[in-house]
Amino acid sequence: MLVKKLPHLTDAEFHTYWDTCSIPLANACPAFRKNVARYYSQHQTPELKAELSALGYPMADYDGITEVWVENLDRWQQVVDSECWDTVREDALTFTQWPYTFMYTSEIKGFD
């Protein structure tokens, strides 16, 4: 999921809240813990944007990526259909813009 912060939040407020409040809330959802194999949040901070910009690369207009690994979409749907997921989604709406941009991909290993 490609994530954008709400415009009224500072970058620091957004990234701090995501790390300290939102991630623990998702992890407290039993359906999330049961069905999600791996979860990563990747933050594009102003400092990282500046480094990339200095090299002349175009930047994605997002503040972060939520990477959720599930065995299949049925497993993800079990998370979304769970009672606790409503709480997680309501929380997400307090600091992120909805709708998210989604990608559903397969992994092809290059090297370790």
C-alpha atoms as a PDB file:
ATOM      1  CA  MET A   1       0.000   0.000   0.000  1.00  0.00           C
ATOM      2  CA  LEU A   2       1.379   3.388  -0.976  1.00  0.00           C
ATOM      3  CA  VAL A   3       0.577   5.845   1.800  1.00  0.00           C
ATOM      4  CA  LYS A   4       0.214   9.629   1.971  1.00  0.00           C
ATOM      5  CA  LYS A   5       0.038  11.544   5.222  1.00  0.00           C
ATOM      6  CA  LEU A   6      -2.800  13.916   5.974  1.00  0.00           C
ATOM      7  CA  PRO A   7      -1.758  17.428   4.896  1.00  0.00           C
ATOM      8  CA  HIS A   8      -2.156  19.022   8.336  1.00  0.00           C
ATOM      9  CA  LEU A   9       0.420  16.693   9.920  1.00  0.00           C
ATOM     10  CA  THR A  10       4.125  17.420   9.978  1.00  0.00           C
ATOM     11  CA  ASP A  11       6.425  14.726   8.662  1.00  0.00           C
ATOM     12  CA  ALA A  12       7.633  14.059  12.196  1.00  0.00           C
ATOM     13  CA  GLU A  13       4.096  13.717  13.559  1.00  0.00           C
ATOM     14  CA  PHE A  14       3.152  11.336  10.756  1.00  0.00           C
ATOM     15  CA  HIS A  15       6.175   9.049  11.004  1.00  0.00           C
ATOM     16  CA  THR A  16       6.174   8.991  14.808  1.00  0.00           C
ATOM     17  CA  TYR A  17       2.480   8.131  14.988  1.00  0.00           C
ATOM     18  CA  TRP A  18       2.799   5.423  12.349  1.00  0.00           C
ATOM     19  CA  ASP A  19       5.664   3.778  14.265  1.00  0.00           C
ATOM     20  CA  THR A  20       4.442   4.132  17.817  1.00  0.00           C
ATOM     21  CA  CYS A  21       0.652   3.898  17.577  1.00  0.00           C
ATOM     22  CA  SER A  22      -0.602   2.472  14.306  1.00  0.00           C
ATOM     23  CA  ILE A  23       1.763  -0.490  13.925  1.00  0.00           C
ATOM     24  CA  PRO A  24       1.124  -1.775  17.474  1.00  0.00           C
ATOM     25  CA  LEU A  25      -2.628  -1.436  16.871  1.00  0.00           C
ATOM     26  CA  ALA A  26      -2.430  -3.620  13.741  1.00  0.00           C
ATOM     27  CA  ASN A  27      -0.274  -6.145  15.582  1.00  0.00           C
ATOM     28  CA  ALA A  28      -2.894  -6.347  18.337  1.00  0.00           C
ATOM     29  CA  CYS A  29      -5.527  -7.511  15.824  1.00  0.00           C
ATOM     30  CA  PRO A  30      -5.690 -11.343  16.067  1.00  0.00           C
ATOM     31  CA  ALA A  31      -6.747 -11.729  12.428  1.00  0.00           C
ATOM     32  CA  PHE A  32      -3.752  -9.643  11.364  1.00  0.00           C
ATOM     33  CA  ARG A  33      -1.341 -11.750  13.414  1.00  0.00           C
ATOM     34  CA  LYS A  34      -2.904 -14.992  12.143  1.00  0.00           C
ATOM     35  CA  ASN A  35      -3.012 -14.161   8.432  1.00  0.00           C
ATOM     36  CA  VAL A  36      -0.095 -11.819   7.771  1.00  0.00           C
ATOM     37  CA  ALA A  37       3.260 -13.500   7.268  1.00  0.00           C
ATOM     38  CA  ARG A  38       5.349 -10.303   7.315  1.00  0.00           C
ATOM     39  CA  TYR A  39       4.700  -6.601   7.773  1.00  0.00           C
ATOM     40  CA  TYR A  40       7.051  -3.739   6.998  1.00  0.00           C
ATOM     41  CA  SER A  41       6.549  -0.003   7.044  1.00  0.00           C
ATOM     42  CA  GLN A  42       8.924   1.975   4.886  1.00  0.00           C
ATOM     43  CA  HIS A  43       9.141   5.698   5.518  1.00  0.00           C
ATOM     44  CA  GLN A  44      10.114   8.302   2.932  1.00  0.00           C
ATOM     45  CA  THR A  45      11.340  11.111   5.155  1.00  0.00           C
ATOM     46  CA  PRO A  46      12.148  14.654   3.999  1.00  0.00           C
ATOM     47  CA  GLU A  47      15.853  13.827   4.370  1.00  0.00           C
ATOM     48  CA  LEU A  48      15.552  10.795   2.092  1.00  0.00           C
ATOM     49  CA  LYS A  49      13.502  12.806  -0.416  1.00  0.00           C
ATOM     50  CA  ALA A  50      16.234  15.473  -0.461  1.00  0.00           C
ATOM     51  CA  GLU A  51      18.973  12.874  -1.063  1.00  0.00           C
ATOM     52  CA  LEU A  52      17.063  11.381  -3.985  1.00  0.00           C
ATOM     53  CA  SER A  53      16.177  14.774  -5.403  1.00  0.00           C
ATOM     54  CA  ALA A  54      19.825  15.869  -5.258  1.00  0.00           C
ATOM     55  CA  LEU A  55      20.672  12.969  -7.570  1.00  0.00           C
ATOM     56  CA  GLY A  56      18.035  14.126 -10.034  1.00  0.00           C
ATOM     57  CA  TYR A  57      15.685  11.174  -9.635  1.00  0.00           C
ATOM     58  CA  PRO A  58      11.922  11.693  -9.775  1.00  0.00           C
ATOM     59  CA  MET A  59      10.197  10.911  -6.499  1.00  0.00           C
ATOM     60  CA  ALA A  60       6.982   9.061  -5.860  1.00  0.00           C
ATOM     61  CA  ASP A  61       4.398  11.330  -4.302  1.00  0.00           C
ATOM     62  CA  TYR A  62       3.977   9.175  -1.190  1.00  0.00           C
ATOM     63  CA  ASP A  63       5.199   9.357   2.367  1.00  0.00           C
ATOM     64  CA  GLY A  64       5.608   5.644   2.879  1.00  0.00           C
ATOM     65  CA  ILE A  65       4.853   2.098   1.939  1.00  0.00           C
ATOM     66  CA  THR A  66       3.040  -0.476   4.012  1.00  0.00           C
ATOM     67  CA  GLU A  67       4.267  -3.863   2.870  1.00  0.00           C
ATOM     68  CA  VAL A  68       1.989  -6.694   3.975  1.00  0.00           C
ATOM     69  CA  TRP A  69       2.897 -10.263   3.032  1.00  0.00           C
ATOM     70  CA  VAL A  70       0.020 -12.708   2.831  1.00  0.00           C
ATOM     71  CA  GLU A  71      -0.160 -16.202   1.356  1.00  0.00           C
ATOM     72  CA  ASN A  72      -3.059 -15.172  -0.895  1.00  0.00           C
ATOM     73  CA  LEU A  73      -5.844 -12.602  -1.140  1.00  0.00           C
ATOM     74  CA  ASP A  74      -8.216 -14.836   0.821  1.00  0.00           C
ATOM     75  CA  ARG A  75      -5.913 -14.438   3.839  1.00  0.00           C
ATOM     76  CA  TRP A  76      -5.933 -10.653   3.409  1.00  0.00           C
ATOM     77  CA  GLN A  77      -9.715 -10.661   3.108  1.00  0.00           C
ATOM     78  CA  GLN A  78      -9.916 -12.503   6.444  1.00  0.00           C
ATOM     79  CA  VAL A  79      -8.015  -9.600   7.996  1.00  0.00           C
ATOM     80  CA  VAL A  80     -10.206  -6.961   6.367  1.00  0.00           C
ATOM     81  CA  ASP A  81     -13.410  -8.784   7.359  1.00  0.00           C
ATOM     82  CA  SER A  82     -12.402  -9.099  11.019  1.00  0.00           C
ATOM     83  CA  GLU A  83     -13.985  -6.968  13.730  1.00  0.00           C
ATOM     84  CA  CYS A  84     -10.691  -5.589  14.940  1.00  0.00           C
ATOM     85  CA  TRP A  85      -9.721  -4.400  11.459  1.00  0.00           C
ATOM     86  CA  ASP A  86     -12.402  -1.694  11.616  1.00  0.00           C
ATOM     87  CA  THR A  87     -10.469  -0.158  14.505  1.00  0.00           C
ATOM     88  CA  VAL A  88      -7.196  -0.332  12.578  1.00  0.00           C
ATOM     89  CA  ARG A  89      -8.731   1.289   9.502  1.00  0.00           C
ATOM     90  CA  GLU A  90     -10.422   4.025  11.550  1.00  0.00           C
ATOM     91  CA  ASP A  91      -7.059   4.761  13.137  1.00  0.00           C
ATOM     92  CA  ALA A  92      -5.374   4.912   9.712  1.00  0.00           C
ATOM     93  CA  LEU A  93      -7.861   7.554   8.625  1.00  0.00           C
ATOM     94  CA  THR A  94      -6.653   9.830  11.445  1.00  0.00           C
ATOM     95  CA  PHE A  95      -3.186  10.216   9.900  1.00  0.00           C
ATOM     96  CA  THR A  96      -3.284   8.942   6.290  1.00  0.00           C
ATOM     97  CA  GLN A  97      -5.167   9.891   3.148  1.00  0.00           C
ATOM     98  CA  TRP A  98      -7.632   7.347   1.830  1.00  0.00           C
ATOM     99  CA  PRO A  99      -7.887   5.600  -0.527  1.00  0.00           C
ATOM    100  CA  TYR A 100      -4.465   4.007  -0.563  1.00  0.00           C
ATOM    101  CA  THR A 101      -2.867   2.904  -3.791  1.00  0.00           C
ATOM    102  CA  PHE A 102      -2.497  -0.872  -3.690  1.00  0.00           C
ATOM    103  CA  MET A 103      -0.146  -3.261  -5.433  1.00  0.00           C
ATOM    104  CA  TYR A 104      -0.475  -7.043  -5.338  1.00  0.00           C
ATOM    105  CA  THR A 105       2.751  -8.652  -6.493  1.00  0.00           C
ATOM    106  CA  SER A 106       4.734 -11.856  -6.535  1.00  0.00           C
ATOM    107  CA  GLU A 107       8.320 -11.997  -5.370  1.00  0.00           C
ATOM    108  CA  ILE A 108      11.085 -12.950  -7.751  1.00  0.00           C
ATOM    109  CA  LYS A 109      14.360 -13.435  -5.966  1.00  0.00           C
ATOM    110  CA  GLY A 110      17.349 -11.685  -7.476  1.00  0.00           C
ATOM    111  CA  PHE A 111      20.056 -12.423  -4.916  1.00  0.00           C
ATOM    112  CA  ASP A 112      20.820 -12.385  -1.199  1.00  0.00           C
END
